[in-house]
Amino acid sequence: MNTRRVTAWLAFFGICGLIAWVPEQFFGEQAQDLSSAAAPVASKHRDAVATAKGGSDKGGDAKAGVAKVPQLDLFAAQSWYVAPVVTAEQAALNSVPAAPTVPTAPPLPFQFIGKLADSQQLQVFLQNGERLYVVRAGDVIDDVYKVDRISATEMSLVYLPLKFAQTLSVGSAP
């Protein structure tokens, strides 16, 4: 039984060796294409570079028949951006310089709450968010607004960064 097993294995390896040794006898050109496709990419690249330089590797003319490997940049920059088409009218409009804008003060952030007529001066109660302010003429609020004057119907504030005057209604005359 052992001799049969050894003989079967020898026959198997012999057939495998025969198929590997003479592939063109059984498969024609397809086996050559498959074997060349299975070769490492580095050796193909080396062969292609040697063929392109005019020299040959150790295979001589047999290696000269190898197809050149195309050189592709796998990480080339790609974009979906399409440049907009600019007409002559749009170019003329874009070339006209815009008039400079005059800086203005932001709207007053204060809300009038009430006023108190003191014996010396009129006091006004203002609210900005959660903060309450009691101001008189000449007071500076948060280093941004200065109270210029307070009358019976309106209060004049100056926005200090631009020296811009603004008014706030503080009720009606008594």
N, C-alpha and C. Protein backbone atom coordinates (compact mmCIF):
# COMPACT_ATOMS: atom_id res chain seq x y z
N MET A 1 0.82 -1.18 0.00
CA MET A 1 0.00 0.00 0.00
C MET A 1 0.87 1.25 0.00
N ASN A 2 1.98 1.18 0.65
CA ASN A 2 2.89 2.30 0.68
C ASN A 2 3.50 2.58 -0.68
N THR A 3 3.79 1.56 -1.42
CA THR A 3 4.37 1.76 -2.74
C THR A 3 3.38 2.39 -3.70
N ARG A 4 2.10 2.04 -3.53
CA ARG A 4 1.07 2.67 -4.38
C ARG A 4 0.97 4.16 -4.07
N ARG A 5 1.01 4.46 -2.80
CA ARG A 5 0.91 5.87 -2.40
C ARG A 5 2.11 6.65 -2.90
N VAL A 6 3.30 6.11 -2.80
CA VAL A 6 4.51 6.79 -3.26
C VAL A 6 4.47 6.93 -4.77
N THR A 7 4.00 5.91 -5.45
CA THR A 7 3.91 5.97 -6.91
C THR A 7 2.89 7.03 -7.34
N ALA A 8 1.77 7.12 -6.65
CA ALA A 8 0.75 8.13 -6.98
C ALA A 8 1.29 9.55 -6.78
N TRP A 9 2.03 9.74 -5.69
CA TRP A 9 2.60 11.05 -5.44
C TRP A 9 3.66 11.39 -6.49
N LEU A 10 4.47 10.44 -6.87
CA LEU A 10 5.48 10.69 -7.90
C LEU A 10 4.83 11.01 -9.23
N ALA A 11 3.75 10.30 -9.56
CA ALA A 11 3.04 10.58 -10.81
C ALA A 11 2.43 11.99 -10.76
N PHE A 12 1.84 12.32 -9.62
CA PHE A 12 1.23 13.65 -9.46
C PHE A 12 2.27 14.76 -9.64
N PHE A 13 3.40 14.65 -8.94
CA PHE A 13 4.44 15.67 -9.05
C PHE A 13 5.05 15.70 -10.44
N GLY A 14 5.16 14.54 -11.07
CA GLY A 14 5.68 14.49 -12.42
C GLY A 14 4.78 15.22 -13.40
N ILE A 15 3.47 15.03 -13.28
CA ILE A 15 2.51 15.72 -14.16
C ILE A 15 2.54 17.23 -13.90
N CYS A 16 2.61 17.59 -12.62
CA CYS A 16 2.69 19.03 -12.28
C CYS A 16 3.96 19.65 -12.86
N GLY A 17 5.07 18.95 -12.76
CA GLY A 17 6.32 19.46 -13.31
C GLY A 17 6.26 19.58 -14.82
N LEU A 18 5.61 18.59 -15.46
CA LEU A 18 5.49 18.63 -16.91
C LEU A 18 4.63 19.81 -17.36
N ILE A 19 3.53 20.08 -16.64
CA ILE A 19 2.66 21.21 -16.99
C ILE A 19 3.39 22.53 -16.76
N ALA A 20 4.17 22.60 -15.70
CA ALA A 20 4.91 23.83 -15.43
C ALA A 20 6.06 24.02 -16.40
N TRP A 21 6.68 22.94 -16.84
CA TRP A 21 7.85 23.02 -17.70
C TRP A 21 7.49 23.38 -19.13
N VAL A 22 6.36 22.90 -19.62
CA VAL A 22 6.01 23.12 -21.02
C VAL A 22 4.58 23.68 -21.10
N PRO A 23 4.34 24.94 -20.67
CA PRO A 23 2.97 25.47 -20.68
C PRO A 23 2.46 25.74 -22.10
N GLU A 24 3.35 26.06 -23.02
CA GLU A 24 2.86 26.38 -24.36
C GLU A 24 2.35 25.15 -25.10
N GLN A 25 2.73 23.96 -24.66
CA GLN A 25 2.24 22.74 -25.28
C GLN A 25 0.76 22.52 -24.97
N PHE A 26 0.33 22.94 -23.78
CA PHE A 26 -1.03 22.68 -23.35
C PHE A 26 -1.97 23.88 -23.51
N PHE A 27 -1.44 25.10 -23.30
CA PHE A 27 -2.32 26.27 -23.26
C PHE A 27 -2.03 27.30 -24.34
N GLY A 28 -1.00 27.20 -25.07
CA GLY A 28 -0.67 28.15 -26.12
C GLY A 28 -0.19 29.47 -25.54
N GLU A 29 -0.59 30.59 -26.16
CA GLU A 29 -0.13 31.91 -25.75
C GLU A 29 -0.81 32.42 -24.49
N GLN A 30 -1.95 31.84 -24.14
CA GLN A 30 -2.66 32.30 -22.93
C GLN A 30 -1.82 32.09 -21.68
N ALA A 31 -1.09 30.99 -21.61
CA ALA A 31 -0.27 30.71 -20.43
C ALA A 31 0.87 31.71 -20.32
N GLN A 32 1.43 32.10 -21.46
CA GLN A 32 2.51 33.08 -21.41
C GLN A 32 1.98 34.42 -20.93
N ASP A 33 0.78 34.83 -21.37
CA ASP A 33 0.20 36.09 -20.92
C ASP A 33 -0.10 36.05 -19.43
N LEU A 34 -0.63 34.94 -18.97
CA LEU A 34 -0.94 34.82 -17.55
C LEU A 34 0.32 34.82 -16.71
N SER A 35 1.35 34.14 -17.17
CA SER A 35 2.59 34.11 -16.39
C SER A 35 3.25 35.48 -16.35
N SER A 36 3.17 36.22 -17.46
CA SER A 36 3.76 37.56 -17.44
C SER A 36 2.93 38.52 -16.60
N ALA A 37 1.60 38.31 -16.53
CA ALA A 37 0.76 39.16 -15.69
C ALA A 37 0.98 38.87 -14.22
N ALA A 38 1.38 37.63 -13.92
CA ALA A 38 1.60 37.27 -12.52
C ALA A 38 2.95 37.73 -12.01
N ALA A 39 3.84 38.17 -12.88
CA ALA A 39 5.16 38.63 -12.46
C ALA A 39 5.00 39.89 -11.62
N PRO A 40 5.92 40.12 -10.70
CA PRO A 40 5.82 41.31 -9.86
C PRO A 40 5.88 42.59 -10.68
N VAL A 41 5.18 43.60 -10.18
CA VAL A 41 5.11 44.88 -10.87
C VAL A 41 6.47 45.54 -10.92
N ALA A 42 7.27 45.36 -9.90
CA ALA A 42 8.59 45.98 -9.86
C ALA A 42 9.47 45.46 -10.99
N SER A 43 9.40 44.16 -11.27
CA SER A 43 10.23 43.64 -12.36
C SER A 43 9.74 44.15 -13.70
N LYS A 44 8.42 44.30 -13.87
CA LYS A 44 7.89 44.87 -15.12
C LYS A 44 8.37 46.31 -15.29
N HIS A 45 8.33 47.04 -14.22
CA HIS A 45 8.75 48.44 -14.27
C HIS A 45 10.24 48.50 -14.63
N ARG A 46 11.05 47.64 -14.02
CA ARG A 46 12.48 47.62 -14.29
C ARG A 46 12.73 47.27 -15.76
N ASP A 47 11.96 46.29 -16.27
CA ASP A 47 12.12 45.91 -17.67
C ASP A 47 11.71 47.03 -18.61
N ALA A 48 10.61 47.72 -18.26
CA ALA A 48 10.13 48.81 -19.11
C ALA A 48 11.12 49.96 -19.13
N VAL A 49 11.70 50.27 -17.98
CA VAL A 49 12.68 51.35 -17.91
C VAL A 49 13.91 50.99 -18.70
N ALA A 50 14.35 49.73 -18.59
CA ALA A 50 15.54 49.30 -19.34
C ALA A 50 15.28 49.34 -20.83
N THR A 51 14.08 48.94 -21.26
CA THR A 51 13.74 48.96 -22.68
C THR A 51 13.65 50.40 -23.18
N ALA A 52 13.09 51.29 -22.36
CA ALA A 52 12.95 52.68 -22.76
C ALA A 52 14.31 53.37 -22.89
N LYS A 53 15.25 52.98 -22.06
CA LYS A 53 16.58 53.58 -22.12
C LYS A 53 17.41 53.04 -23.28
N GLY A 54 16.93 51.97 -23.92
CA GLY A 54 17.66 51.44 -25.06
C GLY A 54 18.53 50.27 -24.68
N GLY A 55 18.75 50.07 -23.42
CA GLY A 55 19.56 48.96 -22.97
C GLY A 55 18.68 47.75 -22.75
N SER A 56 19.26 46.66 -22.38
CA SER A 56 18.47 45.48 -22.07
C SER A 56 18.98 44.90 -20.78
N ASP A 57 18.09 44.20 -20.13
CA ASP A 57 18.45 43.57 -18.87
C ASP A 57 19.17 42.28 -19.16
N LYS A 58 19.30 41.41 -18.23
CA LYS A 58 20.03 40.18 -18.43
C LYS A 58 19.35 39.25 -19.41
N GLY A 59 18.10 39.49 -19.78
CA GLY A 59 17.38 38.62 -20.70
C GLY A 59 17.70 38.92 -22.15
N GLY A 60 18.27 40.00 -22.49
CA GLY A 60 18.64 40.35 -23.85
C GLY A 60 17.42 40.62 -24.69
N ASP A 61 17.30 40.01 -25.86
CA ASP A 61 16.20 40.24 -26.79
C ASP A 61 14.89 39.67 -26.29
N ALA A 62 14.94 38.68 -25.42
CA ALA A 62 13.70 38.12 -24.88
C ALA A 62 12.95 39.15 -24.05
N LYS A 63 13.68 40.01 -23.34
CA LYS A 63 13.06 41.03 -22.52
C LYS A 63 12.58 42.21 -23.35
N ALA A 64 13.10 42.39 -24.54
CA ALA A 64 12.74 43.52 -25.39
C ALA A 64 11.31 43.40 -25.86
N GLY A 65 10.75 42.20 -25.87
CA GLY A 65 9.38 42.00 -26.33
C GLY A 65 8.35 42.33 -25.27
N VAL A 66 8.76 42.63 -24.04
CA VAL A 66 7.83 42.94 -22.96
C VAL A 66 7.20 44.30 -23.22
N ALA A 67 5.87 44.37 -23.06
CA ALA A 67 5.17 45.63 -23.29
C ALA A 67 5.56 46.66 -22.24
N LYS A 68 5.60 47.90 -22.65
CA LYS A 68 5.94 48.97 -21.71
C LYS A 68 4.79 49.19 -20.73
N VAL A 69 5.14 49.42 -19.49
CA VAL A 69 4.16 49.68 -18.45
C VAL A 69 3.82 51.17 -18.49
N PRO A 70 2.55 51.52 -18.65
CA PRO A 70 2.22 52.95 -18.69
C PRO A 70 2.46 53.59 -17.33
N GLN A 71 3.01 54.78 -17.35
CA GLN A 71 3.30 55.51 -16.13
C GLN A 71 2.11 56.40 -15.81
N LEU A 72 1.35 56.05 -14.78
CA LEU A 72 0.19 56.82 -14.37
C LEU A 72 0.45 57.43 -13.00
N ASP A 73 0.00 58.64 -12.84
CA ASP A 73 0.08 59.28 -11.54
C ASP A 73 -1.21 58.96 -10.79
N LEU A 74 -1.11 58.05 -9.83
CA LEU A 74 -2.31 57.61 -9.12
C LEU A 74 -2.87 58.68 -8.20
N PHE A 75 -2.05 59.63 -7.79
CA PHE A 75 -2.49 60.63 -6.84
C PHE A 75 -2.48 62.03 -7.46
N ALA A 76 -2.83 62.12 -8.71
CA ALA A 76 -2.87 63.41 -9.38
C ALA A 76 -4.02 64.24 -8.80
N ALA A 77 -3.83 65.54 -8.74
CA ALA A 77 -4.86 66.44 -8.23
C ALA A 77 -6.02 66.49 -9.21
N GLN A 78 -7.22 66.30 -8.68
CA GLN A 78 -8.42 66.35 -9.51
C GLN A 78 -9.40 67.30 -8.86
N SER A 79 -10.20 67.96 -9.68
CA SER A 79 -11.15 68.93 -9.16
C SER A 79 -12.39 68.95 -10.02
N TRP A 80 -13.52 69.21 -9.40
CA TRP A 80 -14.78 69.36 -10.12
C TRP A 80 -15.05 70.83 -10.45
N TYR A 81 -14.14 71.73 -10.07
CA TYR A 81 -14.34 73.15 -10.27
C TYR A 81 -14.31 73.50 -11.76
N VAL A 82 -15.30 74.24 -12.18
CA VAL A 82 -15.35 74.74 -13.55
C VAL A 82 -15.30 76.27 -13.45
N ALA A 83 -14.34 76.87 -14.11
CA ALA A 83 -14.17 78.32 -14.05
C ALA A 83 -15.39 79.00 -14.68
N PRO A 84 -15.94 80.02 -14.00
CA PRO A 84 -17.10 80.71 -14.57
C PRO A 84 -16.71 81.52 -15.80
N VAL A 85 -17.65 81.62 -16.71
CA VAL A 85 -17.43 82.39 -17.92
C VAL A 85 -17.81 83.84 -17.63
N VAL A 86 -16.89 84.75 -17.87
CA VAL A 86 -17.11 86.18 -17.60
C VAL A 86 -17.36 86.88 -18.93
N THR A 87 -18.51 87.54 -19.02
CA THR A 87 -18.82 88.29 -20.24
C THR A 87 -18.15 89.65 -20.19
N ALA A 88 -18.18 90.35 -21.29
CA ALA A 88 -17.56 91.67 -21.36
C ALA A 88 -18.29 92.66 -20.44
N GLU A 89 -19.63 92.52 -20.35
CA GLU A 89 -20.39 93.43 -19.47
C GLU A 89 -20.03 93.21 -18.01
N GLN A 90 -19.89 91.94 -17.61
CA GLN A 90 -19.54 91.65 -16.22
C GLN A 90 -18.12 92.14 -15.92
N ALA A 91 -17.22 91.99 -16.87
CA ALA A 91 -15.86 92.46 -16.67
C ALA A 91 -15.83 93.97 -16.52
N ALA A 92 -16.66 94.68 -17.30
CA ALA A 92 -16.72 96.14 -17.20
C ALA A 92 -17.29 96.56 -15.84
N LEU A 93 -18.31 95.84 -15.36
CA LEU A 93 -18.89 96.17 -14.06
C LEU A 93 -17.91 95.89 -12.93
N ASN A 94 -17.14 94.83 -13.06
CA ASN A 94 -16.18 94.50 -12.01
C ASN A 94 -14.98 95.44 -12.00
N SER A 95 -14.66 96.04 -13.13
CA SER A 95 -13.50 96.92 -13.18
C SER A 95 -13.79 98.31 -12.64
N VAL A 96 -15.07 98.69 -12.51
CA VAL A 96 -15.42 100.01 -11.98
C VAL A 96 -15.15 99.99 -10.48
N PRO A 97 -14.35 100.92 -9.97
CA PRO A 97 -14.07 100.92 -8.53
C PRO A 97 -15.31 101.31 -7.74
N ALA A 98 -15.53 100.64 -6.65
CA ALA A 98 -16.68 100.92 -5.79
C ALA A 98 -16.41 102.18 -4.98
N ALA A 99 -17.46 102.92 -4.74
CA ALA A 99 -17.34 104.14 -3.94
C ALA A 99 -17.01 103.74 -2.50
N PRO A 100 -16.09 104.46 -1.88
CA PRO A 100 -15.75 104.12 -0.50
C PRO A 100 -16.94 104.35 0.42
N THR A 101 -17.14 103.42 1.33
CA THR A 101 -18.26 103.54 2.25
C THR A 101 -17.82 104.34 3.48
N VAL A 102 -18.74 105.13 3.97
CA VAL A 102 -18.49 105.94 5.15
C VAL A 102 -18.83 105.09 6.37
N PRO A 103 -17.90 104.94 7.30
CA PRO A 103 -18.22 104.13 8.48
C PRO A 103 -19.30 104.80 9.31
N THR A 104 -20.20 104.00 9.83
CA THR A 104 -21.29 104.50 10.67
C THR A 104 -21.27 103.74 11.99
N ALA A 105 -21.89 104.32 12.96
CA ALA A 105 -21.97 103.70 14.27
C ALA A 105 -23.05 102.62 14.26
N PRO A 106 -22.89 101.59 15.06
CA PRO A 106 -23.92 100.56 15.14
C PRO A 106 -25.16 101.13 15.81
N PRO A 107 -26.31 100.50 15.65
CA PRO A 107 -27.51 101.00 16.33
C PRO A 107 -27.32 100.94 17.84
N LEU A 108 -28.01 101.82 18.53
CA LEU A 108 -27.87 101.89 19.98
C LEU A 108 -28.35 100.58 20.61
N PRO A 109 -27.52 100.00 21.49
CA PRO A 109 -27.91 98.73 22.11
C PRO A 109 -28.77 98.92 23.36
N PHE A 110 -29.08 100.17 23.68
CA PHE A 110 -29.77 100.45 24.94
C PHE A 110 -31.27 100.57 24.74
N GLN A 111 -31.98 100.19 25.81
CA GLN A 111 -33.43 100.33 25.83
C GLN A 111 -33.78 101.24 27.02
N PHE A 112 -34.62 102.21 26.77
CA PHE A 112 -35.01 103.16 27.80
C PHE A 112 -35.94 102.47 28.80
N ILE A 113 -35.60 102.57 30.09
CA ILE A 113 -36.41 101.97 31.15
C ILE A 113 -37.20 103.06 31.89
N GLY A 114 -36.54 104.15 32.22
CA GLY A 114 -37.22 105.22 32.95
C GLY A 114 -36.27 106.36 33.25
N LYS A 115 -36.79 107.40 33.91
CA LYS A 115 -35.95 108.54 34.26
C LYS A 115 -36.37 109.05 35.62
N LEU A 116 -35.43 109.74 36.27
CA LEU A 116 -35.66 110.27 37.59
C LEU A 116 -35.16 111.70 37.61
N ALA A 117 -36.02 112.61 38.00
CA ALA A 117 -35.65 114.02 38.09
C ALA A 117 -35.10 114.26 39.49
N ASP A 118 -33.79 114.35 39.59
CA ASP A 118 -33.10 114.60 40.84
C ASP A 118 -33.04 116.11 41.03
N SER A 119 -32.72 116.56 42.21
CA SER A 119 -32.62 118.00 42.46
C SER A 119 -31.46 118.62 41.69
N GLN A 120 -30.45 117.85 41.39
CA GLN A 120 -29.30 118.39 40.68
C GLN A 120 -29.37 118.13 39.17
N GLN A 121 -29.58 116.87 38.77
CA GLN A 121 -29.59 116.51 37.35
C GLN A 121 -30.67 115.47 37.09
N LEU A 122 -30.95 115.31 35.79
CA LEU A 122 -31.91 114.29 35.36
C LEU A 122 -31.14 112.98 35.17
N GLN A 123 -31.61 111.89 35.78
CA GLN A 123 -31.00 110.58 35.64
C GLN A 123 -31.87 109.71 34.74
N VAL A 124 -31.20 108.89 33.90
CA VAL A 124 -31.93 108.01 32.98
C VAL A 124 -31.50 106.58 33.27
N PHE A 125 -32.48 105.67 33.27
CA PHE A 125 -32.23 104.24 33.48
C PHE A 125 -32.28 103.54 32.11
N LEU A 126 -31.17 102.89 31.78
CA LEU A 126 -31.05 102.20 30.50
C LEU A 126 -30.76 100.73 30.74
N GLN A 127 -31.17 99.91 29.79
CA GLN A 127 -30.90 98.47 29.87
C GLN A 127 -30.21 98.02 28.58
N ASN A 128 -29.16 97.21 28.75
CA ASN A 128 -28.46 96.59 27.61
C ASN A 128 -28.34 95.10 27.95
N GLY A 129 -29.24 94.27 27.41
CA GLY A 129 -29.25 92.85 27.75
C GLY A 129 -29.68 92.69 29.19
N GLU A 130 -28.81 92.14 30.03
CA GLU A 130 -29.09 91.93 31.44
C GLU A 130 -28.55 93.06 32.32
N ARG A 131 -27.81 93.97 31.73
CA ARG A 131 -27.17 95.04 32.51
C ARG A 131 -28.06 96.28 32.56
N LEU A 132 -28.12 96.90 33.73
CA LEU A 132 -28.85 98.16 33.93
C LEU A 132 -27.84 99.27 34.19
N TYR A 133 -28.11 100.42 33.60
CA TYR A 133 -27.24 101.59 33.75
C TYR A 133 -28.09 102.76 34.25
N VAL A 134 -27.52 103.50 35.21
CA VAL A 134 -28.10 104.76 35.66
C VAL A 134 -27.10 105.83 35.22
N VAL A 135 -27.49 106.66 34.25
CA VAL A 135 -26.55 107.61 33.66
C VAL A 135 -27.04 109.04 33.81
N ARG A 136 -26.07 109.95 33.82
CA ARG A 136 -26.33 111.40 33.83
C ARG A 136 -25.54 112.01 32.68
N ALA A 137 -25.74 113.26 32.38
CA ALA A 137 -24.99 113.95 31.33
C ALA A 137 -23.51 113.94 31.69
N GLY A 138 -22.67 113.55 30.73
CA GLY A 138 -21.22 113.52 30.93
C GLY A 138 -20.69 112.13 31.27
N ASP A 139 -21.54 111.17 31.60
CA ASP A 139 -21.09 109.82 31.94
C ASP A 139 -20.64 109.07 30.68
N VAL A 140 -19.68 108.15 30.86
CA VAL A 140 -19.20 107.28 29.78
C VAL A 140 -19.65 105.85 30.09
N ILE A 141 -20.28 105.21 29.10
CA ILE A 141 -20.80 103.85 29.29
C ILE A 141 -19.87 102.87 28.59
N ASP A 142 -19.21 102.00 29.36
CA ASP A 142 -18.32 100.93 28.86
C ASP A 142 -17.24 101.44 27.92
N ASP A 143 -16.78 102.66 28.07
CA ASP A 143 -15.75 103.26 27.22
C ASP A 143 -16.13 103.26 25.73
N VAL A 144 -17.41 103.18 25.44
CA VAL A 144 -17.87 103.16 24.05
C VAL A 144 -18.82 104.32 23.77
N TYR A 145 -19.72 104.61 24.69
CA TYR A 145 -20.70 105.68 24.51
C TYR A 145 -20.52 106.72 25.61
N LYS A 146 -20.67 107.98 25.23
CA LYS A 146 -20.64 109.07 26.20
C LYS A 146 -21.98 109.79 26.14
N VAL A 147 -22.57 110.04 27.29
CA VAL A 147 -23.84 110.76 27.37
C VAL A 147 -23.53 112.24 27.21
N ASP A 148 -23.98 112.83 26.11
CA ASP A 148 -23.69 114.23 25.81
C ASP A 148 -24.63 115.15 26.56
N ARG A 149 -25.93 114.93 26.38
CA ARG A 149 -26.92 115.77 27.08
C ARG A 149 -28.21 114.98 27.22
N ILE A 150 -28.99 115.37 28.21
CA ILE A 150 -30.28 114.73 28.45
C ILE A 150 -31.32 115.82 28.54
N SER A 151 -32.35 115.73 27.70
CA SER A 151 -33.46 116.68 27.77
C SER A 151 -34.71 115.92 28.26
N ALA A 152 -35.82 116.59 28.27
CA ALA A 152 -37.05 115.98 28.76
C ALA A 152 -37.57 114.89 27.81
N THR A 153 -37.24 114.96 26.50
CA THR A 153 -37.79 114.01 25.53
C THR A 153 -36.74 113.11 24.88
N GLU A 154 -35.48 113.52 24.89
CA GLU A 154 -34.46 112.69 24.24
C GLU A 154 -33.12 112.83 24.92
N MET A 155 -32.28 111.81 24.68
CA MET A 155 -30.94 111.78 25.23
C MET A 155 -29.97 111.66 24.06
N SER A 156 -28.91 112.45 24.10
CA SER A 156 -27.91 112.45 23.02
C SER A 156 -26.68 111.69 23.50
N LEU A 157 -26.29 110.67 22.72
CA LEU A 157 -25.12 109.85 23.03
C LEU A 157 -24.10 110.00 21.90
N VAL A 158 -22.81 109.90 22.23
CA VAL A 158 -21.75 109.97 21.24
C VAL A 158 -21.04 108.62 21.23
N TYR A 159 -20.98 108.01 20.03
CA TYR A 159 -20.24 106.76 19.85
C TYR A 159 -18.76 107.14 19.75
N LEU A 160 -17.98 106.83 20.78
CA LEU A 160 -16.62 107.34 20.92
C LEU A 160 -15.64 106.89 19.84
N PRO A 161 -15.65 105.64 19.35
CA PRO A 161 -14.66 105.28 18.32
C PRO A 161 -14.76 106.11 17.05
N LEU A 162 -15.97 106.56 16.67
CA LEU A 162 -16.14 107.34 15.45
C LEU A 162 -16.56 108.78 15.70
N LYS A 163 -16.76 109.14 16.97
CA LYS A 163 -17.25 110.48 17.33
C LYS A 163 -18.57 110.78 16.61
N PHE A 164 -19.47 109.81 16.62
CA PHE A 164 -20.74 109.90 15.90
C PHE A 164 -21.86 110.07 16.92
N ALA A 165 -22.69 111.13 16.73
CA ALA A 165 -23.76 111.43 17.67
C ALA A 165 -25.02 110.65 17.32
N GLN A 166 -25.70 110.12 18.37
CA GLN A 166 -26.96 109.38 18.21
C GLN A 166 -27.92 109.84 19.29
N THR A 167 -29.20 109.71 19.01
CA THR A 167 -30.19 110.12 20.00
C THR A 167 -31.09 108.95 20.37
N LEU A 168 -31.58 108.98 21.60
CA LEU A 168 -32.48 107.97 22.12
C LEU A 168 -33.66 108.67 22.77
N SER A 169 -34.87 108.25 22.41
CA SER A 169 -36.08 108.86 22.99
C SER A 169 -36.22 108.38 24.43
N VAL A 170 -36.47 109.38 25.33
CA VAL A 170 -36.59 109.06 26.76
C VAL A 170 -37.94 109.50 27.32
N GLY A 171 -38.95 109.40 26.55
CA GLY A 171 -40.31 109.70 27.03
C GLY A 171 -40.78 111.07 26.57
N SER A 172 -41.88 111.50 27.16
CA SER A 172 -42.49 112.77 26.77
C SER A 172 -42.22 113.81 27.86
N ALA A 173 -42.47 115.04 27.51
CA ALA A 173 -42.25 116.16 28.46
C ALA A 173 -43.33 116.11 29.52
N PRO A 174 -43.00 116.48 30.77
CA PRO A 174 -44.00 116.47 31.87
C PRO A 174 -45.02 117.56 31.76
